[in-house]
Amino acid sequence: MNENSESRIYGKREYITIVNKATYSMVKYKKYMKLISKEFQTNLMLAVTEVNGCQLCNYYHTKNAIDSGISNEELQSLLSGDQKNVKPEEAQALVFAQHYAFEKGNYSEETFQKIIEHYGKEKAYGILATVRMISFGNAYGISFGNFKNRFTKKGKVKNSKLINELFILSSPIILFPFTLLINVFRKKRY
């Protein structure tokens, strides 16, 4: 079994939506991310990465969590998608992060409203921005891993298309700057 076989596979349209939401959050909500500790951000990123299955992001964010002093029980909970050993003050946001990832960014407004009520509007948007940024990172990391595997003994990942991998890998050159520019002028919340 290929190590990336449980990773999500992203198509071009889905990826464009992910990039658009991430760049919107960079423009409009990045200042709110500063309201969330680095440890909390790392935990949110691990929760999303666990759902999406990005091996590269999993390694990186697990290392960051260990370096920040996370307990073994909490780390195991985050890596397994089980919330029983997470910090009580983070639990609701971590469940939202998983919900966001499971729904591929199509989160319930009702669920997000509960995040606003629990954490306050600014911190809630910091949580949303963090989740969107790692979703972008996961999509890119998975595609990079799939592309790399084509040229190793692991071979092509089932259902992954070379054209999608190349599109995603080239996105920082055209797509990311284009959506960033569009979102600077976007008035409507996204």
N, C-alpha and C. Protein backbone atom coordinates (compact mmCIF):
# COMPACT_ATOMS: atom_id res chain seq x y z
N MET A 1 0.84 -1.18 0.00
CA MET A 1 0.00 0.00 0.00
C MET A 1 0.88 1.24 0.00
N ASN A 2 0.57 2.20 -0.83
CA ASN A 2 1.32 3.43 -0.95
C ASN A 2 1.08 4.30 0.27
N GLU A 3 2.12 4.98 0.78
CA GLU A 3 1.96 5.78 1.98
C GLU A 3 1.00 6.95 1.78
N ASN A 4 0.81 7.40 0.55
CA ASN A 4 -0.12 8.50 0.28
C ASN A 4 -1.50 8.00 -0.13
N SER A 5 -1.76 6.72 -0.06
CA SER A 5 -3.02 6.18 -0.57
C SER A 5 -4.23 6.67 0.22
N GLU A 6 -4.04 7.15 1.43
CA GLU A 6 -5.16 7.66 2.19
C GLU A 6 -5.22 9.19 2.16
N SER A 7 -4.35 9.80 1.41
CA SER A 7 -4.37 11.25 1.26
C SER A 7 -5.47 11.64 0.29
N ARG A 8 -6.00 12.81 0.49
CA ARG A 8 -6.97 13.34 -0.46
C ARG A 8 -6.27 13.63 -1.78
N ILE A 9 -7.03 13.50 -2.84
CA ILE A 9 -6.55 13.86 -4.17
C ILE A 9 -7.35 15.10 -4.58
N TYR A 10 -6.65 16.14 -4.99
CA TYR A 10 -7.31 17.40 -5.33
C TYR A 10 -7.35 17.62 -6.83
N GLY A 11 -8.55 18.01 -7.30
CA GLY A 11 -8.71 18.41 -8.69
C GLY A 11 -8.43 19.90 -8.83
N LYS A 12 -8.37 20.37 -10.06
CA LYS A 12 -8.04 21.78 -10.31
C LYS A 12 -9.07 22.73 -9.71
N ARG A 13 -10.34 22.48 -9.92
CA ARG A 13 -11.39 23.39 -9.39
C ARG A 13 -11.38 23.44 -7.87
N GLU A 14 -11.28 22.29 -7.26
CA GLU A 14 -11.24 22.24 -5.80
C GLU A 14 -10.02 22.99 -5.27
N TYR A 15 -8.90 22.82 -5.95
CA TYR A 15 -7.68 23.50 -5.52
C TYR A 15 -7.80 25.02 -5.69
N ILE A 16 -8.39 25.47 -6.78
CA ILE A 16 -8.58 26.91 -6.99
C ILE A 16 -9.42 27.49 -5.85
N THR A 17 -10.46 26.79 -5.45
CA THR A 17 -11.31 27.25 -4.33
C THR A 17 -10.49 27.32 -3.05
N ILE A 18 -9.67 26.32 -2.79
CA ILE A 18 -8.82 26.30 -1.59
C ILE A 18 -7.87 27.50 -1.60
N VAL A 19 -7.23 27.75 -2.73
CA VAL A 19 -6.29 28.87 -2.84
C VAL A 19 -7.03 30.19 -2.65
N ASN A 20 -8.19 30.32 -3.25
CA ASN A 20 -8.96 31.55 -3.14
C ASN A 20 -9.34 31.83 -1.68
N LYS A 21 -9.79 30.81 -0.98
CA LYS A 21 -10.15 30.99 0.44
C LYS A 21 -8.92 31.29 1.29
N ALA A 22 -7.81 30.66 0.99
CA ALA A 22 -6.59 30.90 1.76
C ALA A 22 -6.07 32.32 1.53
N THR A 23 -6.08 32.77 0.27
CA THR A 23 -5.59 34.12 0.01
C THR A 23 -6.55 35.16 0.57
N TYR A 24 -7.84 34.90 0.52
CA TYR A 24 -8.80 35.83 1.14
C TYR A 24 -8.49 35.95 2.63
N SER A 25 -8.26 34.84 3.28
CA SER A 25 -7.95 34.86 4.71
C SER A 25 -6.63 35.56 4.99
N MET A 26 -5.65 35.41 4.10
CA MET A 26 -4.38 36.12 4.27
C MET A 26 -4.60 37.63 4.25
N VAL A 27 -5.46 38.07 3.34
CA VAL A 27 -5.70 39.50 3.18
C VAL A 27 -6.57 40.05 4.31
N LYS A 28 -7.65 39.35 4.63
CA LYS A 28 -8.66 39.90 5.53
C LYS A 28 -8.51 39.48 6.99
N TYR A 29 -7.96 38.29 7.26
CA TYR A 29 -7.98 37.76 8.63
C TYR A 29 -6.61 37.48 9.24
N LYS A 30 -5.55 37.69 8.49
CA LYS A 30 -4.22 37.34 8.99
C LYS A 30 -3.91 38.01 10.33
N LYS A 31 -4.36 39.26 10.51
CA LYS A 31 -4.09 39.97 11.76
C LYS A 31 -4.72 39.25 12.95
N TYR A 32 -5.79 38.50 12.71
CA TYR A 32 -6.46 37.78 13.80
C TYR A 32 -5.73 36.49 14.17
N MET A 33 -4.89 36.00 13.26
CA MET A 33 -4.13 34.79 13.56
C MET A 33 -3.15 35.05 14.70
N LYS A 34 -2.75 36.30 14.88
CA LYS A 34 -1.83 36.65 15.95
C LYS A 34 -2.47 36.50 17.33
N LEU A 35 -3.79 36.39 17.38
CA LEU A 35 -4.50 36.21 18.64
C LEU A 35 -4.44 34.77 19.12
N ILE A 36 -3.93 33.90 18.28
CA ILE A 36 -3.88 32.46 18.59
C ILE A 36 -2.42 32.08 18.80
N SER A 37 -2.13 31.41 19.89
CA SER A 37 -0.75 31.02 20.18
C SER A 37 -0.23 30.08 19.09
N LYS A 38 1.08 30.04 18.94
CA LYS A 38 1.71 29.15 17.95
C LYS A 38 1.36 27.69 18.23
N GLU A 39 1.30 27.34 19.52
CA GLU A 39 0.95 25.96 19.89
C GLU A 39 -0.47 25.61 19.45
N PHE A 40 -1.40 26.55 19.67
CA PHE A 40 -2.79 26.35 19.28
C PHE A 40 -2.89 26.25 17.75
N GLN A 41 -2.16 27.12 17.05
CA GLN A 41 -2.16 27.06 15.59
C GLN A 41 -1.63 25.70 15.11
N THR A 42 -0.56 25.23 15.72
CA THR A 42 0.00 23.93 15.35
C THR A 42 -1.02 22.83 15.58
N ASN A 43 -1.75 22.88 16.68
CA ASN A 43 -2.77 21.87 16.96
C ASN A 43 -3.90 21.91 15.93
N LEU A 44 -4.31 23.12 15.53
CA LEU A 44 -5.32 23.25 14.49
C LEU A 44 -4.80 22.64 13.18
N MET A 45 -3.55 22.92 12.88
CA MET A 45 -2.96 22.39 11.65
C MET A 45 -2.86 20.87 11.68
N LEU A 46 -2.53 20.31 12.83
CA LEU A 46 -2.49 18.85 12.95
C LEU A 46 -3.88 18.24 12.78
N ALA A 47 -4.90 18.91 13.32
CA ALA A 47 -6.27 18.39 13.20
C ALA A 47 -6.70 18.34 11.74
N VAL A 48 -6.41 19.39 10.98
CA VAL A 48 -6.77 19.42 9.55
C VAL A 48 -5.93 18.42 8.77
N THR A 49 -4.65 18.38 9.06
CA THR A 49 -3.74 17.48 8.36
C THR A 49 -4.12 16.02 8.58
N GLU A 50 -4.58 15.70 9.77
CA GLU A 50 -5.00 14.33 10.07
C GLU A 50 -6.15 13.94 9.14
N VAL A 51 -7.07 14.83 8.89
CA VAL A 51 -8.21 14.54 8.00
C VAL A 51 -7.74 14.42 6.56
N ASN A 52 -6.91 15.36 6.11
CA ASN A 52 -6.50 15.41 4.71
C ASN A 52 -5.42 14.39 4.34
N GLY A 53 -4.63 13.98 5.32
CA GLY A 53 -3.64 12.93 5.08
C GLY A 53 -2.37 13.38 4.38
N CYS A 54 -1.95 14.61 4.60
CA CYS A 54 -0.70 15.08 3.99
C CYS A 54 0.49 14.61 4.83
N GLN A 55 1.30 13.73 4.26
CA GLN A 55 2.45 13.18 4.98
C GLN A 55 3.50 14.25 5.28
N LEU A 56 3.76 15.14 4.33
CA LEU A 56 4.75 16.19 4.55
C LEU A 56 4.33 17.13 5.68
N CYS A 57 3.07 17.56 5.65
CA CYS A 57 2.57 18.47 6.69
C CYS A 57 2.51 17.75 8.05
N ASN A 58 2.14 16.49 8.02
CA ASN A 58 2.06 15.73 9.27
C ASN A 58 3.43 15.71 9.95
N TYR A 59 4.47 15.42 9.19
CA TYR A 59 5.82 15.37 9.75
C TYR A 59 6.19 16.74 10.33
N TYR A 60 6.01 17.79 9.54
CA TYR A 60 6.42 19.13 9.93
C TYR A 60 5.67 19.61 11.18
N HIS A 61 4.34 19.47 11.19
CA HIS A 61 3.55 19.98 12.31
C HIS A 61 3.67 19.10 13.56
N THR A 62 3.92 17.82 13.37
CA THR A 62 4.18 16.95 14.52
C THR A 62 5.49 17.37 15.19
N LYS A 63 6.51 17.62 14.39
CA LYS A 63 7.79 18.09 14.93
C LYS A 63 7.59 19.41 15.69
N ASN A 64 6.84 20.35 15.10
CA ASN A 64 6.58 21.63 15.77
C ASN A 64 5.83 21.43 17.09
N ALA A 65 4.87 20.52 17.10
CA ALA A 65 4.11 20.25 18.33
C ALA A 65 5.02 19.67 19.41
N ILE A 66 5.87 18.75 19.03
CA ILE A 66 6.81 18.16 19.99
C ILE A 66 7.76 19.23 20.52
N ASP A 67 8.27 20.06 19.62
CA ASP A 67 9.18 21.14 20.04
C ASP A 67 8.50 22.14 20.96
N SER A 68 7.18 22.30 20.83
CA SER A 68 6.46 23.26 21.69
C SER A 68 6.08 22.65 23.03
N GLY A 69 6.36 21.36 23.23
CA GLY A 69 6.12 20.74 24.53
C GLY A 69 4.78 20.05 24.68
N ILE A 70 4.15 19.68 23.59
CA ILE A 70 2.86 18.99 23.66
C ILE A 70 3.01 17.67 24.41
N SER A 71 2.01 17.30 25.18
CA SER A 71 2.07 16.01 25.89
C SER A 71 1.87 14.88 24.88
N ASN A 72 2.41 13.72 25.18
CA ASN A 72 2.27 12.56 24.31
C ASN A 72 0.80 12.19 24.10
N GLU A 73 0.01 12.29 25.16
CA GLU A 73 -1.42 11.95 25.07
C GLU A 73 -2.14 12.91 24.12
N GLU A 74 -1.84 14.21 24.26
CA GLU A 74 -2.49 15.19 23.39
C GLU A 74 -2.06 14.99 21.94
N LEU A 75 -0.77 14.73 21.72
CA LEU A 75 -0.27 14.50 20.37
C LEU A 75 -0.95 13.28 19.75
N GLN A 76 -1.03 12.19 20.50
CA GLN A 76 -1.68 10.98 19.98
C GLN A 76 -3.15 11.24 19.65
N SER A 77 -3.82 12.05 20.48
CA SER A 77 -5.21 12.39 20.21
C SER A 77 -5.34 13.15 18.89
N LEU A 78 -4.49 14.13 18.69
CA LEU A 78 -4.55 14.93 17.46
C LEU A 78 -4.23 14.09 16.23
N LEU A 79 -3.22 13.23 16.34
CA LEU A 79 -2.82 12.41 15.20
C LEU A 79 -3.84 11.33 14.85
N SER A 80 -4.67 10.96 15.81
CA SER A 80 -5.68 9.93 15.55
C SER A 80 -7.06 10.52 15.25
N GLY A 81 -7.19 11.85 15.40
CA GLY A 81 -8.48 12.48 15.18
C GLY A 81 -9.42 12.38 16.36
N ASP A 82 -8.92 11.88 17.47
CA ASP A 82 -9.70 11.72 18.70
C ASP A 82 -9.44 12.93 19.58
N GLN A 83 -10.47 13.55 20.11
CA GLN A 83 -10.31 14.78 20.87
C GLN A 83 -10.30 14.59 22.39
N LYS A 84 -10.22 13.36 22.87
CA LYS A 84 -10.38 13.14 24.31
C LYS A 84 -9.25 13.69 25.18
N ASN A 85 -8.06 13.87 24.64
CA ASN A 85 -6.93 14.35 25.44
C ASN A 85 -6.44 15.74 25.06
N VAL A 86 -7.26 16.49 24.33
CA VAL A 86 -6.84 17.84 23.95
C VAL A 86 -7.21 18.83 25.06
N LYS A 87 -6.58 20.00 24.99
CA LYS A 87 -6.87 21.04 25.98
C LYS A 87 -8.33 21.46 25.84
N PRO A 88 -9.05 21.53 26.95
CA PRO A 88 -10.48 21.88 26.88
C PRO A 88 -10.74 23.21 26.16
N GLU A 89 -9.84 24.18 26.33
CA GLU A 89 -10.04 25.48 25.69
C GLU A 89 -9.83 25.44 24.18
N GLU A 90 -9.23 24.37 23.67
CA GLU A 90 -8.99 24.23 22.23
C GLU A 90 -9.98 23.28 21.57
N ALA A 91 -10.69 22.50 22.35
CA ALA A 91 -11.49 21.40 21.81
C ALA A 91 -12.49 21.84 20.75
N GLN A 92 -13.24 22.90 21.01
CA GLN A 92 -14.26 23.33 20.07
C GLN A 92 -13.64 23.75 18.74
N ALA A 93 -12.54 24.47 18.78
CA ALA A 93 -11.86 24.90 17.55
C ALA A 93 -11.29 23.71 16.79
N LEU A 94 -10.77 22.72 17.51
CA LEU A 94 -10.21 21.54 16.85
C LEU A 94 -11.30 20.72 16.16
N VAL A 95 -12.45 20.63 16.78
CA VAL A 95 -13.58 19.94 16.14
C VAL A 95 -14.02 20.71 14.90
N PHE A 96 -14.06 22.04 15.00
CA PHE A 96 -14.39 22.85 13.82
C PHE A 96 -13.37 22.63 12.71
N ALA A 97 -12.09 22.59 13.05
CA ALA A 97 -11.03 22.38 12.06
C ALA A 97 -11.24 21.04 11.33
N GLN A 98 -11.57 20.01 12.08
CA GLN A 98 -11.84 18.72 11.45
C GLN A 98 -13.08 18.79 10.57
N HIS A 99 -14.12 19.45 11.06
CA HIS A 99 -15.36 19.62 10.29
C HIS A 99 -15.04 20.33 8.97
N TYR A 100 -14.26 21.40 9.04
CA TYR A 100 -13.88 22.15 7.85
C TYR A 100 -13.18 21.23 6.85
N ALA A 101 -12.23 20.45 7.33
CA ALA A 101 -11.48 19.56 6.45
C ALA A 101 -12.37 18.45 5.88
N PHE A 102 -13.20 17.83 6.71
CA PHE A 102 -14.10 16.77 6.24
C PHE A 102 -15.04 17.29 5.15
N GLU A 103 -15.50 18.52 5.33
CA GLU A 103 -16.45 19.11 4.38
C GLU A 103 -15.76 19.84 3.24
N LYS A 104 -14.44 19.70 3.15
CA LYS A 104 -13.64 20.31 2.09
C LYS A 104 -13.88 21.81 1.99
N GLY A 105 -13.94 22.45 3.15
CA GLY A 105 -14.09 23.90 3.19
C GLY A 105 -15.52 24.40 3.17
N ASN A 106 -16.46 23.50 3.01
CA ASN A 106 -17.88 23.88 2.98
C ASN A 106 -18.48 23.72 4.37
N TYR A 107 -17.92 24.47 5.31
CA TYR A 107 -18.34 24.35 6.70
C TYR A 107 -19.73 24.94 6.91
N SER A 108 -20.35 24.50 7.97
CA SER A 108 -21.67 24.98 8.33
C SER A 108 -21.55 26.36 8.98
N GLU A 109 -22.33 27.32 8.49
CA GLU A 109 -22.34 28.67 9.09
C GLU A 109 -22.79 28.59 10.55
N GLU A 110 -23.70 27.69 10.84
CA GLU A 110 -24.18 27.50 12.22
C GLU A 110 -23.03 27.05 13.12
N THR A 111 -22.22 26.14 12.62
CA THR A 111 -21.07 25.66 13.38
C THR A 111 -20.06 26.79 13.60
N PHE A 112 -19.81 27.57 12.56
CA PHE A 112 -18.87 28.68 12.71
C PHE A 112 -19.42 29.74 13.67
N GLN A 113 -20.71 29.94 13.67
CA GLN A 113 -21.31 30.90 14.60
C GLN A 113 -21.04 30.47 16.05
N LYS A 114 -21.05 29.18 16.30
CA LYS A 114 -20.73 28.68 17.65
C LYS A 114 -19.27 28.96 18.00
N ILE A 115 -18.39 28.91 17.02
CA ILE A 115 -16.97 29.24 17.23
C ILE A 115 -16.86 30.73 17.59
N ILE A 116 -17.61 31.57 16.90
CA ILE A 116 -17.62 33.01 17.20
C ILE A 116 -18.11 33.25 18.62
N GLU A 117 -19.19 32.58 18.99
CA GLU A 117 -19.75 32.74 20.34
C GLU A 117 -18.78 32.27 21.41
N HIS A 118 -18.05 31.21 21.13
CA HIS A 118 -17.14 30.64 22.13
C HIS A 118 -15.83 31.43 22.25
N TYR A 119 -15.25 31.84 21.12
CA TYR A 119 -13.92 32.47 21.13
C TYR A 119 -13.94 33.98 20.89
N GLY A 120 -15.08 34.51 20.48
CA GLY A 120 -15.14 35.90 20.06
C GLY A 120 -14.87 35.99 18.57
N LYS A 121 -15.38 37.05 17.94
CA LYS A 121 -15.33 37.18 16.49
C LYS A 121 -13.90 37.20 15.94
N GLU A 122 -13.04 38.01 16.52
CA GLU A 122 -11.68 38.14 15.98
C GLU A 122 -10.88 36.84 16.09
N LYS A 123 -10.95 36.20 17.23
CA LYS A 123 -10.21 34.95 17.41
C LYS A 123 -10.81 33.85 16.51
N ALA A 124 -12.14 33.86 16.35
CA ALA A 124 -12.80 32.88 15.47
C ALA A 124 -12.30 33.03 14.03
N TYR A 125 -12.13 34.27 13.58
CA TYR A 125 -11.61 34.47 12.23
C TYR A 125 -10.13 34.12 12.15
N GLY A 126 -9.40 34.24 13.23
CA GLY A 126 -8.02 33.76 13.27
C GLY A 126 -7.97 32.24 13.14
N ILE A 127 -8.91 31.58 13.79
CA ILE A 127 -9.01 30.11 13.69
C ILE A 127 -9.34 29.72 12.26
N LEU A 128 -10.32 30.40 11.65
CA LEU A 128 -10.70 30.11 10.27
C LEU A 128 -9.53 30.34 9.32
N ALA A 129 -8.81 31.43 9.50
CA ALA A 129 -7.65 31.70 8.64
C ALA A 129 -6.59 30.62 8.78
N THR A 130 -6.33 30.19 9.99
CA THR A 130 -5.35 29.13 10.22
C THR A 130 -5.77 27.85 9.52
N VAL A 131 -7.03 27.50 9.64
CA VAL A 131 -7.56 26.28 9.02
C VAL A 131 -7.48 26.37 7.50
N ARG A 132 -7.80 27.53 6.96
CA ARG A 132 -7.72 27.70 5.50
C ARG A 132 -6.28 27.64 5.01
N MET A 133 -5.37 28.21 5.76
CA MET A 133 -3.96 28.20 5.34
C MET A 133 -3.40 26.78 5.33
N ILE A 134 -3.73 25.99 6.34
CA ILE A 134 -3.21 24.63 6.36
C ILE A 134 -3.91 23.76 5.31
N SER A 135 -5.15 24.07 4.99
CA SER A 135 -5.83 23.34 3.91
C SER A 135 -5.09 23.56 2.60
N PHE A 136 -4.68 24.80 2.37
CA PHE A 136 -3.86 25.11 1.19
C PHE A 136 -2.54 24.34 1.25
N GLY A 137 -1.88 24.40 2.41
CA GLY A 137 -0.62 23.68 2.58
C GLY A 137 -0.76 22.19 2.35
N ASN A 138 -1.84 21.61 2.86
CA ASN A 138 -2.08 20.18 2.67
C ASN A 138 -2.28 19.84 1.19
N ALA A 139 -3.10 20.62 0.50
CA ALA A 139 -3.36 20.35 -0.92
C ALA A 139 -2.06 20.42 -1.73
N TYR A 140 -1.26 21.41 -1.43
CA TYR A 140 0.02 21.56 -2.13
C TYR A 140 0.97 20.42 -1.75
N GLY A 141 1.08 20.13 -0.46
CA GLY A 141 1.98 19.08 0.01
C GLY A 141 1.62 17.70 -0.51
N ILE A 142 0.33 17.41 -0.55
CA ILE A 142 -0.10 16.10 -1.08
C ILE A 142 0.25 15.99 -2.56
N SER A 143 -0.01 17.06 -3.31
CA SER A 143 0.31 17.03 -4.75
C SER A 143 1.82 16.91 -4.98
N PHE A 144 2.60 17.62 -4.17
CA PHE A 144 4.05 17.50 -4.27
C PHE A 144 4.49 16.07 -3.99
N GLY A 145 3.95 15.47 -2.93
CA GLY A 145 4.29 14.09 -2.59
C GLY A 145 3.89 13.12 -3.69
N ASN A 146 2.69 13.32 -4.27
CA ASN A 146 2.24 12.44 -5.35
C ASN A 146 3.12 12.57 -6.58
N PHE A 147 3.51 13.81 -6.91
CA PHE A 147 4.39 14.04 -8.05
C PHE A 147 5.74 13.38 -7.82
N LYS A 148 6.28 13.57 -6.64
CA LYS A 148 7.58 12.98 -6.29
C LYS A 148 7.53 11.45 -6.35
N ASN A 149 6.43 10.86 -5.88
CA ASN A 149 6.30 9.40 -5.88
C ASN A 149 6.30 8.80 -7.29
N ARG A 150 5.87 9.56 -8.28
CA ARG A 150 5.87 9.07 -9.65
C ARG A 150 7.27 8.64 -10.10
N PHE A 151 8.27 9.26 -9.50
CA PHE A 151 9.64 9.04 -9.95
C PHE A 151 10.46 8.22 -8.95
N THR A 152 9.78 7.55 -8.03
CA THR A 152 10.44 6.69 -7.06
C THR A 152 9.87 5.29 -7.15
N LYS A 153 10.35 4.40 -6.32
CA LYS A 153 9.85 3.03 -6.28
C LYS A 153 8.39 2.95 -5.84
N LYS A 154 7.94 3.99 -5.12
CA LYS A 154 6.54 4.00 -4.66
C LYS A 154 5.59 4.08 -5.84
N GLY A 155 5.96 4.80 -6.86
CA GLY A 155 5.16 4.88 -8.08
C GLY A 155 3.97 5.82 -7.97
N LYS A 156 3.20 5.84 -9.04
CA LYS A 156 2.04 6.71 -9.15
C LYS A 156 1.02 6.38 -8.06
N VAL A 157 0.46 7.43 -7.48
CA VAL A 157 -0.59 7.27 -6.47
C VAL A 157 -1.91 7.09 -7.20
N LYS A 158 -2.68 6.10 -6.80
CA LYS A 158 -3.96 5.80 -7.41
C LYS A 158 -4.84 7.05 -7.44
N ASN A 159 -5.46 7.30 -8.56
CA ASN A 159 -6.39 8.41 -8.80
C ASN A 159 -5.73 9.79 -8.90
N SER A 160 -4.44 9.87 -8.75
CA SER A 160 -3.77 11.16 -8.89
C SER A 160 -3.39 11.35 -10.35
N LYS A 161 -3.71 12.53 -10.89
CA LYS A 161 -3.44 12.83 -12.29
C LYS A 161 -2.26 13.78 -12.40
N LEU A 162 -1.37 13.46 -13.31
CA LEU A 162 -0.18 14.27 -13.52
C LEU A 162 -0.54 15.72 -13.83
N ILE A 163 -1.54 15.94 -14.66
CA ILE A 163 -1.93 17.31 -15.04
C ILE A 163 -2.36 18.12 -13.81
N ASN A 164 -3.07 17.49 -12.88
CA ASN A 164 -3.47 18.18 -11.65
C ASN A 164 -2.26 18.48 -10.77
N GLU A 165 -1.37 17.52 -10.67
CA GLU A 165 -0.16 17.72 -9.87
C GLU A 165 0.65 18.89 -10.42
N LEU A 166 0.85 18.92 -11.73
CA LEU A 166 1.61 20.00 -12.34
C LEU A 166 0.92 21.35 -12.17
N PHE A 167 -0.40 21.37 -12.31
CA PHE A 167 -1.16 22.61 -12.12
C PHE A 167 -0.97 23.13 -10.69
N ILE A 168 -1.12 22.25 -9.73
CA ILE A 168 -1.00 22.65 -8.32
C ILE A 168 0.43 23.09 -8.01
N LEU A 169 1.41 22.36 -8.50
CA LEU A 169 2.80 22.70 -8.23
C LEU A 169 3.21 24.03 -8.87
N SER A 170 2.57 24.39 -9.96
CA SER A 170 2.90 25.65 -10.62
C SER A 170 2.07 26.82 -10.09
N SER A 171 1.13 26.56 -9.22
CA SER A 171 0.21 27.60 -8.74
C SER A 171 0.87 28.79 -8.04
N PRO A 172 1.97 28.62 -7.33
CA PRO A 172 2.56 29.81 -6.70
C PRO A 172 3.02 30.88 -7.71
N ILE A 173 3.23 30.50 -8.94
CA ILE A 173 3.70 31.44 -9.95
C ILE A 173 2.57 32.32 -10.47
N ILE A 174 1.40 31.75 -10.74
CA ILE A 174 0.31 32.51 -11.34
C ILE A 174 -0.94 32.55 -10.45
N LEU A 175 -1.43 31.40 -10.05
CA LEU A 175 -2.71 31.33 -9.34
C LEU A 175 -2.69 32.05 -8.00
N PHE A 176 -1.69 31.80 -7.20
CA PHE A 176 -1.64 32.40 -5.87
C PHE A 176 -1.56 33.93 -5.94
N PRO A 177 -0.65 34.50 -6.73
CA PRO A 177 -0.62 35.97 -6.82
C PRO A 177 -1.91 36.55 -7.40
N PHE A 178 -2.51 35.88 -8.38
CA PHE A 178 -3.75 36.35 -9.00
C PHE A 178 -4.89 36.38 -7.97
N THR A 179 -5.07 35.30 -7.21
CA THR A 179 -6.15 35.28 -6.21
C THR A 179 -5.85 36.24 -5.07
N LEU A 180 -4.60 36.43 -4.74
CA LEU A 180 -4.24 37.40 -3.71
C LEU A 180 -4.66 38.80 -4.14
N LEU A 181 -4.38 39.15 -5.37
CA LEU A 181 -4.76 40.46 -5.91
C LEU A 181 -6.28 40.63 -5.93
N ILE A 182 -6.98 39.63 -6.39
CA ILE A 182 -8.46 39.69 -6.42
C ILE A 182 -9.01 39.91 -5.02
N ASN A 183 -8.45 39.20 -4.05
CA ASN A 183 -8.99 39.27 -2.70
C ASN A 183 -8.64 40.56 -1.96
N VAL A 184 -7.66 41.29 -2.43
CA VAL A 184 -7.37 42.61 -1.85
C VAL A 184 -8.56 43.53 -2.08
N PHE A 185 -9.22 43.38 -3.23
CA PHE A 185 -10.33 44.26 -3.60
C PHE A 185 -11.71 43.67 -3.32
N ARG A 186 -11.77 42.44 -2.87
CA ARG A 186 -13.06 41.79 -2.61
C ARG A 186 -13.72 42.43 -1.40
N LYS A 187 -14.97 42.79 -1.55
CA LYS A 187 -15.72 43.42 -0.46
C LYS A 187 -16.50 42.39 0.36
N LYS A 188 -17.12 41.46 -0.33
CA LYS A 188 -17.96 40.45 0.31
C LYS A 188 -17.12 39.45 1.10
N ARG A 189 -17.61 39.08 2.29
CA ARG A 189 -16.90 38.08 3.10
C ARG A 189 -16.92 36.74 2.41
N TYR A 190 -15.81 36.05 2.48
CA TYR A 190 -15.67 34.76 1.80
C TYR A 190 -15.15 33.74 2.77
